[in-house]
PDB file of N, CA and C in Angstrom:
ATOM      1  N   MET A   1     -18.089  -4.386  17.602  1.00  0.00           N
ATOM      2  CA  MET A   1     -16.956  -3.707  17.296  1.00  0.00           C
ATOM      3  C   MET A   1     -16.868  -2.704  15.762  1.00  0.00           C
ATOM      4  N   THR A   2     -16.128  -1.566  16.424  1.00  0.00           N
ATOM      5  CA  THR A   2     -15.978  -0.565  14.979  1.00  0.00           C
ATOM      6  C   THR A   2     -14.737  -0.667  14.181  1.00  0.00           C
ATOM      7  N   LEU A   3     -14.200  -0.295  13.098  1.00  0.00           N
ATOM      8  CA  LEU A   3     -13.496  -0.300  12.235  1.00  0.00           C
ATOM      9  C   LEU A   3     -12.252  -0.557  13.085  1.00  0.00           C
ATOM     10  N   GLN A   4     -12.670   0.900  13.698  1.00  0.00           N
ATOM     11  CA  GLN A   4     -10.484   1.009  14.145  1.00  0.00           C
ATOM     12  C   GLN A   4     -10.704  -0.259  15.321  1.00  0.00           C
ATOM     13  N   GLU A   5     -11.749  -0.817  15.529  1.00  0.00           N
ATOM     14  CA  GLU A   5     -11.308  -1.635  17.398  1.00  0.00           C
ATOM     15  C   GLU A   5     -10.437  -3.238  16.603  1.00  0.00           C
ATOM     16  N   GLN A   6     -11.737  -3.203  15.324  1.00  0.00           N
ATOM     17  CA  GLN A   6     -11.221  -3.956  14.592  1.00  0.00           C
ATOM     18  C   GLN A   6      -9.443  -4.246  13.891  1.00  0.00           C
ATOM     19  N   LEU A   7      -8.944  -3.195  13.692  1.00  0.00           N
ATOM     20  CA  LEU A   7      -7.577  -2.762  13.146  1.00  0.00           C
ATOM     21  C   LEU A   7      -6.812  -2.750  14.317  1.00  0.00           C
ATOM     22  N   HIS A   8      -7.096  -2.525  15.105  1.00  0.00           N
ATOM     23  CA  HIS A   8      -6.751  -2.861  16.737  1.00  0.00           C
ATOM     24  C   HIS A   8      -6.597  -4.126  16.905  1.00  0.00           C
ATOM     25  N   THR A   9      -7.522  -4.914  16.737  1.00  0.00           N
ATOM     26  CA  THR A   9      -7.156  -6.541  16.670  1.00  0.00           C
ATOM     27  C   THR A   9      -6.583  -6.917  15.370  1.00  0.00           C
ATOM     28  N   ILE A  10      -6.772  -6.401  14.647  1.00  0.00           N
ATOM     29  CA  ILE A  10      -5.917  -7.262  13.207  1.00  0.00           C
ATOM     30  C   ILE A  10      -4.578  -7.329  13.259  1.00  0.00           C
ATOM     31  N   ILE A  11      -4.294  -6.013  12.960  1.00  0.00           N
ATOM     32  CA  ILE A  11      -2.609  -5.385  12.611  1.00  0.00           C
ATOM     33  C   ILE A  11      -1.939  -6.800  12.567  1.00  0.00           C
ATOM     34  N   PRO A  12      -1.893  -6.241  14.399  1.00  0.00           N
ATOM     35  CA  PRO A  12      -0.306  -7.148  15.151  1.00  0.00           C
ATOM     36  C   PRO A  12      -0.800  -9.150  14.121  1.00  0.00           C
ATOM     37  N   ASP A  13      -1.950  -9.451  14.382  1.00  0.00           N
ATOM     38  CA  ASP A  13      -2.356 -10.986  13.777  1.00  0.00           C
ATOM     39  C   ASP A  13      -1.836 -11.003  12.318  1.00  0.00           C
ATOM     40  N   ALA A  14      -2.669  -9.894  11.329  1.00  0.00           N
ATOM     41  CA  ALA A  14      -2.019  -9.611   9.869  1.00  0.00           C
ATOM     42  C   ALA A  14      -0.490  -9.924   9.356  1.00  0.00           C
ATOM     43  N   ILE A  15      -0.032  -9.245  10.574  1.00  0.00           N
ATOM     44  CA  ILE A  15       2.039  -8.916  10.380  1.00  0.00           C
ATOM     45  C   ILE A  15       2.162 -10.308  10.833  1.00  0.00           C
ATOM     46  N   LYS A  16       1.837 -10.723  11.558  1.00  0.00           N
ATOM     47  CA  LYS A  16       2.438 -12.453  12.383  1.00  0.00           C
ATOM     48  C   LYS A  16       2.266 -12.866  11.075  1.00  0.00           C
ATOM     49  N   TRP A  17       1.022 -12.956  10.690  1.00  0.00           N
ATOM     50  CA  TRP A  17       1.114 -13.651   9.471  1.00  0.00           C
ATOM     51  C   TRP A  17       1.444 -14.402   8.065  1.00  0.00           C
ATOM     52  N   ALA A  18       1.886 -12.356   8.397  1.00  0.00           N
ATOM     53  CA  ALA A  18       2.474 -11.831   6.651  1.00  0.00           C
ATOM     54  C   ALA A  18       4.264 -12.270   6.830  1.00  0.00           C
ATOM     55  N   LYS A  19       4.311 -12.587   8.854  1.00  0.00           N
ATOM     56  CA  LYS A  19       6.283 -12.650   8.307  1.00  0.00           C
ATOM     57  C   LYS A  19       6.017 -13.986   8.409  1.00  0.00           C
ATOM     58  N   ALA A  20       4.917 -15.731   8.265  1.00  0.00           N
ATOM     59  CA  ALA A  20       5.478 -16.133   8.628  1.00  0.00           C
ATOM     60  C   ALA A  20       5.466 -16.740   7.310  1.00  0.00           C
ATOM     61  N   GLN A  21       4.108 -15.816   6.455  1.00  0.00           N
ATOM     62  CA  GLN A  21       4.736 -15.971   4.826  1.00  0.00           C
ATOM     63  C   GLN A  21       5.615 -16.217   4.902  1.00  0.00           C
ATOM     64  N   ALA A  22       5.980 -14.953   4.866  1.00  0.00           N
ATOM     65  CA  ALA A  22       7.236 -14.834   4.169  1.00  0.00           C
ATOM     66  C   ALA A  22       8.681 -15.322   4.548  1.00  0.00           C
ATOM     67  N   GLU A  23       8.790 -16.383   5.515  1.00  0.00           N
ATOM     68  CA  GLU A  23       9.800 -16.598   6.288  1.00  0.00           C
ATOM     69  C   GLU A  23       9.252 -18.139   5.343  1.00  0.00           C
ATOM     70  N   HIS A  24       7.939 -18.523   4.872  1.00  0.00           N
ATOM     71  CA  HIS A  24       7.862 -20.207   4.355  1.00  0.00           C
ATOM     72  C   HIS A  24       8.354 -19.773   2.884  1.00  0.00           C
ATOM     73  N   VAL A  25       8.116 -18.198   2.260  1.00  0.00           N
ATOM     74  CA  VAL A  25       8.632 -18.793   0.489  1.00  0.00           C
ATOM     75  C   VAL A  25      10.190 -18.107   1.266  1.00  0.00           C
ATOM     76  N   ALA A  26      10.989 -18.155   2.155  1.00  0.00           N
ATOM     77  CA  ALA A  26      12.403 -17.979   2.321  1.00  0.00           C
ATOM     78  C   ALA A  26      13.059 -18.795   2.295  1.00  0.00           C
ATOM     79  N   LEU A  27      12.064 -19.945   3.085  1.00  0.00           N
ATOM     80  CA  LEU A  27      12.805 -20.815   3.277  1.00  0.00           C
ATOM     81  C   LEU A  27      12.536 -22.638   1.287  1.00  0.00           C
ATOM     82  N   ILE A  28      11.156 -21.807   0.764  1.00  0.00           N
ATOM     83  CA  ILE A  28      11.725 -23.420   0.119  1.00  0.00           C
ATOM     84  C   ILE A  28      10.912 -22.067  -1.457  1.00  0.00           C
ATOM     85  N   GLY A  29      11.008 -20.766  -1.294  1.00  0.00           N
ATOM     86  CA  GLY A  29      10.424 -20.114  -2.829  1.00  0.00           C
ATOM     87  C   GLY A  29      12.302 -20.001  -3.586  1.00  0.00           C
ATOM     88  N   ASN A  30      11.855 -19.693  -4.902  1.00  0.00           N
ATOM     89  CA  ASN A  30      12.816 -19.663  -5.978  1.00  0.00           C
ATOM     90  C   ASN A  30      13.342 -18.515  -5.684  1.00  0.00           C
ATOM     91  N   PRO A  31      15.004 -18.324  -6.229  1.00  0.00           N
ATOM     92  CA  PRO A  31      15.414 -17.173  -7.115  1.00  0.00           C
ATOM     93  C   PRO A  31      15.183 -16.907  -7.705  1.00  0.00           C
ATOM     94  N   LEU A  32      15.505 -15.420  -7.868  1.00  0.00           N
ATOM     95  CA  LEU A  32      14.194 -14.490  -8.868  1.00  0.00           C
ATOM     96  C   LEU A  32      15.340 -15.319 -10.755  1.00  0.00           C
ATOM     97  N   GLN A  33      14.933 -15.009 -11.316  1.00  0.00           N
ATOM     98  CA  GLN A  33      15.197 -15.272 -12.725  1.00  0.00           C
ATOM     99  C   GLN A  33      16.260 -14.308 -13.598  1.00  0.00           C
ATOM    100  N   SER A  34      17.514 -14.959 -14.169  1.00  0.00           N
ATOM    101  CA  SER A  34      18.082 -13.472 -14.336  1.00  0.00           C
ATOM    102  C   SER A  34      17.410 -11.686 -14.856  1.00  0.00           C
ATOM    103  N   ASN A  35      16.565 -12.255 -15.947  1.00  0.00           N
ATOM    104  CA  ASN A  35      15.189 -10.884 -16.231  1.00  0.00           C
ATOM    105  C   ASN A  35      15.444 -10.135 -15.383  1.00  0.00           C
ATOM    106  N   LEU A  36      15.518 -11.066 -14.537  1.00  0.00           N
ATOM    107  CA  LEU A  36      13.817  -9.579 -13.064  1.00  0.00           C
ATOM    108  C   LEU A  36      15.421 -10.065 -12.882  1.00  0.00           C
ATOM    109  N   ARG A  37      16.608 -10.477 -12.207  1.00  0.00           N
ATOM    110  CA  ARG A  37      17.662 -10.416 -11.461  1.00  0.00           C
ATOM    111  C   ARG A  37      18.257  -8.949 -11.960  1.00  0.00           C
ATOM    112  N   ASP A  38      18.346  -8.969 -13.054  1.00  0.00           N
ATOM    113  CA  ASP A  38      19.266  -7.918 -14.170  1.00  0.00           C
ATOM    114  C   ASP A  38      17.865  -6.192 -13.469  1.00  0.00           C
ATOM    115  N   PHE A  39      16.403  -6.549 -13.176  1.00  0.00           N
ATOM    116  CA  PHE A  39      16.044  -5.031 -13.432  1.00  0.00           C
ATOM    117  C   PHE A  39      15.616  -5.005 -12.581  1.00  0.00           C
ATOM    118  N   VAL A  40      15.674  -5.479 -11.456  1.00  0.00           N
ATOM    119  CA  VAL A  40      15.547  -4.866 -10.366  1.00  0.00           C
ATOM    120  C   VAL A  40      15.939  -4.819  -9.517  1.00  0.00           C
ATOM    121  N   GLN A  41      17.635  -5.362  -9.945  1.00  0.00           N
ATOM    122  CA  GLN A  41      19.057  -4.400  -9.889  1.00  0.00           C
ATOM    123  C   GLN A  41      19.353  -2.558 -10.023  1.00  0.00           C
ATOM    124  N   ARG A  42      18.922  -3.267 -11.631  1.00  0.00           N
ATOM    125  CA  ARG A  42      18.698  -1.404 -12.212  1.00  0.00           C
ATOM    126  C   ARG A  42      17.775  -0.672 -12.037  1.00  0.00           C
ATOM    127  N   VAL A  43      16.824  -0.779 -11.135  1.00  0.00           N
ATOM    128  CA  VAL A  43      15.524   0.141 -10.778  1.00  0.00           C
ATOM    129  C   VAL A  43      16.111   0.351  -9.233  1.00  0.00           C
ATOM    130  N   GLY A  44      17.088  -0.474  -8.871  1.00  0.00           N
ATOM    131  CA  GLY A  44      17.777   0.093  -7.268  1.00  0.00           C
ATOM    132  C   GLY A  44      17.082  -0.948  -5.704  1.00  0.00           C
ATOM    133  N   VAL A  45      17.187  -2.392  -6.583  1.00  0.00           N
ATOM    134  CA  VAL A  45      16.481  -3.517  -4.771  1.00  0.00           C
ATOM    135  C   VAL A  45      17.867  -3.837  -4.637  1.00  0.00           C
ATOM    136  N   ARG A  46      18.438  -3.517  -3.299  1.00  0.00           N
ATOM    137  CA  ARG A  46      19.278  -4.284  -2.083  1.00  0.00           C
ATOM    138  C   ARG A  46      18.853  -5.402  -2.202  1.00  0.00           C
ATOM    139  N   GLY A  47      20.104  -6.209  -2.420  1.00  0.00           N
ATOM    140  CA  GLY A  47      19.323  -8.078  -1.421  1.00  0.00           C
ATOM    141  C   GLY A  47      18.595  -8.821  -2.465  1.00  0.00           C
ATOM    142  N   VAL A  48      19.622  -8.124  -3.402  1.00  0.00           N
ATOM    143  CA  VAL A  48      18.322  -9.265  -4.678  1.00  0.00           C
ATOM    144  C   VAL A  48      18.338 -10.825  -4.118  1.00  0.00           C
ATOM    145  N   ASP A  49      20.029 -11.258  -3.865  1.00  0.00           N
ATOM    146  CA  ASP A  49      20.168 -12.393  -3.424  1.00  0.00           C
ATOM    147  C   ASP A  49      19.206 -13.239  -2.529  1.00  0.00           C
ATOM    148  N   ARG A  50      18.844 -12.074  -2.137  1.00  0.00           N
ATOM    149  CA  ARG A  50      18.164 -12.858  -0.541  1.00  0.00           C
ATOM    150  C   ARG A  50      16.404 -12.651  -1.336  1.00  0.00           C
ATOM    151  N   ILE A  51      15.843 -13.015  -2.345  1.00  0.00           N
ATOM    152  CA  ILE A  51      14.073 -12.591  -3.367  1.00  0.00           C
ATOM    153  C   ILE A  51      14.261 -13.657  -3.479  1.00  0.00           C
ATOM    154  N   ARG A  52      13.919 -14.248  -2.843  1.00  0.00           N
ATOM    155  CA  ARG A  52      12.668 -15.612  -3.457  1.00  0.00           C
ATOM    156  C   ARG A  52      10.591 -15.485  -3.535  1.00  0.00           C
ATOM    157  N   GLY A  53      10.667 -16.317  -4.423  1.00  0.00           N
ATOM    158  CA  GLY A  53       8.850 -16.172  -5.207  1.00  0.00           C
ATOM    159  C   GLY A  53       8.570 -17.596  -5.049  1.00  0.00           C
ATOM    160  N   LYS A  54       7.164 -17.782  -5.001  1.00  0.00           N
ATOM    161  CA  LYS A  54       6.264 -18.814  -4.736  1.00  0.00           C
ATOM    162  C   LYS A  54       5.397 -18.789  -6.100  1.00  0.00           C
ATOM    163  N   PHE A  55       5.084 -19.947  -7.337  1.00  0.00           N
ATOM    164  CA  PHE A  55       3.755 -19.741  -8.003  1.00  0.00           C
ATOM    165  C   PHE A  55       2.954 -20.207  -7.027  1.00  0.00           C
ATOM    166  N   VAL A  56       1.605 -19.866  -6.864  1.00  0.00           N
ATOM    167  CA  VAL A  56       0.899 -20.744  -6.382  1.00  0.00           C
ATOM    168  C   VAL A  56      -0.559 -20.443  -7.416  1.00  0.00           C
ATOM    169  N   ASP A  57      -1.402 -21.223  -7.256  1.00  0.00           N
ATOM    170  CA  ASP A  57      -2.496 -21.348  -7.427  1.00  0.00           C
ATOM    171  C   ASP A  57      -3.857 -20.362  -7.152  1.00  0.00           C
ATOM    172  N   SER A  58      -3.377 -20.284  -5.879  1.00  0.00           N
ATOM    173  CA  SER A  58      -4.012 -19.018  -5.107  1.00  0.00           C
ATOM    174  C   SER A  58      -3.459 -18.338  -3.969  1.00  0.00           C
ATOM    175  N   LEU A  59      -4.317 -17.147  -3.387  1.00  0.00           N
ATOM    176  CA  LEU A  59      -3.458 -16.920  -2.350  1.00  0.00           C
ATOM    177  C   LEU A  59      -3.692 -17.466  -0.698  1.00  0.00           C
ATOM    178  N   PRO A  60      -2.767 -17.341  -0.692  1.00  0.00           N
ATOM    179  CA  PRO A  60      -3.056 -18.469   0.561  1.00  0.00           C
ATOM    180  C   PRO A  60      -3.799 -16.863   1.933  1.00  0.00           C
ATOM    181  N   ILE A  61      -5.150 -18.246   2.534  1.00  0.00           N
ATOM    182  CA  ILE A  61      -6.211 -17.604   2.950  1.00  0.00           C
ATOM    183  C   ILE A  61      -5.179 -17.816   4.982  1.00  0.00           C
ATOM    184  N   PRO A  62      -5.323 -16.463   5.506  1.00  0.00           N
ATOM    185  CA  PRO A  62      -5.222 -16.493   6.776  1.00  0.00           C
ATOM    186  C   PRO A  62      -6.023 -17.169   7.471  1.00  0.00           C
ATOM    187  N   GLU A  63      -5.387 -18.288   8.928  1.00  0.00           N
ATOM    188  CA  GLU A  63      -6.486 -18.734  10.058  1.00  0.00           C
ATOM    189  C   GLU A  63      -7.022 -18.064  10.965  1.00  0.00           C
ATOM    190  N   ASN A  64      -6.515 -17.226  10.724  1.00  0.00           N
ATOM    191  CA  ASN A  64      -7.060 -16.372  12.440  1.00  0.00           C
ATOM    192  C   ASN A  64      -8.830 -16.112  11.220  1.00  0.00           C
ATOM    193  N   SER A  65      -9.656 -16.424  12.120  1.00  0.00           N
ATOM    194  CA  SER A  65     -11.479 -16.451  11.552  1.00  0.00           C
ATOM    195  C   SER A  65     -11.384 -14.733  11.415  1.00  0.00           C
ATOM    196  N   LEU A  66     -10.693 -13.816  11.874  1.00  0.00           N
ATOM    197  CA  LEU A  66     -11.315 -11.883  11.882  1.00  0.00           C
ATOM    198  C   LEU A  66     -10.270 -11.634  10.815  1.00  0.00           C
ATOM    199  N   LEU A  67      -9.581 -12.561  10.525  1.00  0.00           N
ATOM    200  CA  LEU A  67      -8.613 -11.830   8.917  1.00  0.00           C
ATOM    201  C   LEU A  67      -9.278 -12.604   7.738  1.00  0.00           C
ATOM    202  N   LYS A  68     -10.183 -14.126   7.958  1.00  0.00           N
ATOM    203  CA  LYS A  68     -10.307 -14.504   6.684  1.00  0.00           C
ATOM    204  C   LYS A  68     -11.890 -13.697   6.634  1.00  0.00           C
ATOM    205  N   GLU A  69     -12.398 -13.502   7.457  1.00  0.00           N
ATOM    206  CA  GLU A  69     -13.832 -12.454   7.099  1.00  0.00           C
ATOM    207  C   GLU A  69     -13.147 -11.267   6.585  1.00  0.00           C
ATOM    208  N   MET A  70     -11.937 -10.580   6.731  1.00  0.00           N
ATOM    209  CA  MET A  70     -11.652  -9.152   6.157  1.00  0.00           C
ATOM    210  C   MET A  70     -11.190  -9.366   4.773  1.00  0.00           C
ATOM    211  N   GLU A  71     -10.632 -10.858   4.786  1.00  0.00           N
ATOM    212  CA  GLU A  71     -10.055 -11.137   3.319  1.00  0.00           C
ATOM    213  C   GLU A  71     -11.709 -11.256   2.923  1.00  0.00           C
ATOM    214  N   PHE A  72     -12.478 -11.741   2.697  1.00  0.00           N
ATOM    215  CA  PHE A  72     -13.307 -11.917   2.154  1.00  0.00           C
ATOM    216  C   PHE A  72     -14.495 -11.094   2.038  1.00  0.00           C
ATOM    217  N   GLN A  73     -14.149 -10.039   2.793  1.00  0.00           N
ATOM    218  CA  GLN A  73     -15.559  -8.434   1.817  1.00  0.00           C
ATOM    219  C   GLN A  73     -14.735  -8.583   1.029  1.00  0.00           C
ATOM    220  N   ARG A  74     -13.026  -8.188   1.358  1.00  0.00           N
ATOM    221  CA  ARG A  74     -12.682  -7.231   0.983  1.00  0.00           C
ATOM    222  C   ARG A  74     -12.468  -8.499  -0.842  1.00  0.00           C
ATOM    223  N   ASP A  75     -12.500  -9.549  -1.235  1.00  0.00           N
ATOM    224  CA  ASP A  75     -13.456  -9.913  -2.135  1.00  0.00           C
ATOM    225  C   ASP A  75     -14.357  -9.413  -2.625  1.00  0.00           C
ATOM    226  N   TYR A  76     -15.629  -9.870  -2.192  1.00  0.00           N
ATOM    227  CA  TYR A  76     -16.197  -8.961  -2.472  1.00  0.00           C
ATOM    228  C   TYR A  76     -16.631  -7.791  -2.461  1.00  0.00           C
ATOM    229  N   LEU A  77     -15.944  -6.234  -2.083  1.00  0.00           N
ATOM    230  CA  LEU A  77     -16.426  -5.544  -2.683  1.00  0.00           C
ATOM    231  C   LEU A  77     -15.403  -5.255  -3.979  1.00  0.00           C
ATOM    232  N   ALA A  78     -14.194  -5.852  -4.257  1.00  0.00           N
ATOM    233  CA  ALA A  78     -13.714  -6.270  -5.625  1.00  0.00           C
ATOM    234  C   ALA A  78     -14.550  -6.409  -6.394  1.00  0.00           C
ATOM    235  N   LEU A  79     -15.187  -7.151  -6.149  1.00  0.00           N
ATOM    236  CA  LEU A  79     -16.085  -8.259  -7.169  1.00  0.00           C
ATOM    237  C   LEU A  79     -17.468  -7.549  -7.368  1.00  0.00           C
ATOM    238  N   ILE A  80     -18.036  -6.489  -6.382  1.00  0.00           N
ATOM    239  CA  ILE A  80     -19.312  -5.253  -6.250  1.00  0.00           C
ATOM    240  C   ILE A  80     -18.475  -4.655  -7.500  1.00  0.00           C
ATOM    241  N   TRP A  81     -17.018  -3.591  -6.638  1.00  0.00           N
ATOM    242  CA  TRP A  81     -16.766  -3.045  -8.249  1.00  0.00           C
ATOM    243  C   TRP A  81     -16.769  -2.691  -9.822  1.00  0.00           C
ATOM    244  N   LEU A  82     -16.365  -3.978  -9.444  1.00  0.00           N
ATOM    245  CA  LEU A  82     -16.108  -5.113 -11.056  1.00  0.00           C
ATOM    246  C   LEU A  82     -17.168  -4.998 -11.394  1.00  0.00           C
ATOM    247  N   ALA A  83     -18.434  -4.965 -11.231  1.00  0.00           N
ATOM    248  CA  ALA A  83     -19.405  -5.246 -11.858  1.00  0.00           C
ATOM    249  C   ALA A  83     -20.161  -4.631 -12.981  1.00  0.00           C
TER     250      ALA A  83
END
């Protein structure tokens, strides 16, 4: 399967996964602290009251096997580049 074929398959799944993550954090996340609220308002971000964040020990990994594989490849290439 070519990269272009993989992208046609993976992009809808990646978008679905990202939306699910955003919905999860919107429900359980914490609002911005006042110093960050002030900063993002000064730089023009709208809807500051809707912004939520969540501290995690590591980034969540998608359940989809192709997304997992691409995540692994990205991490592997980053390690090679940093070496």
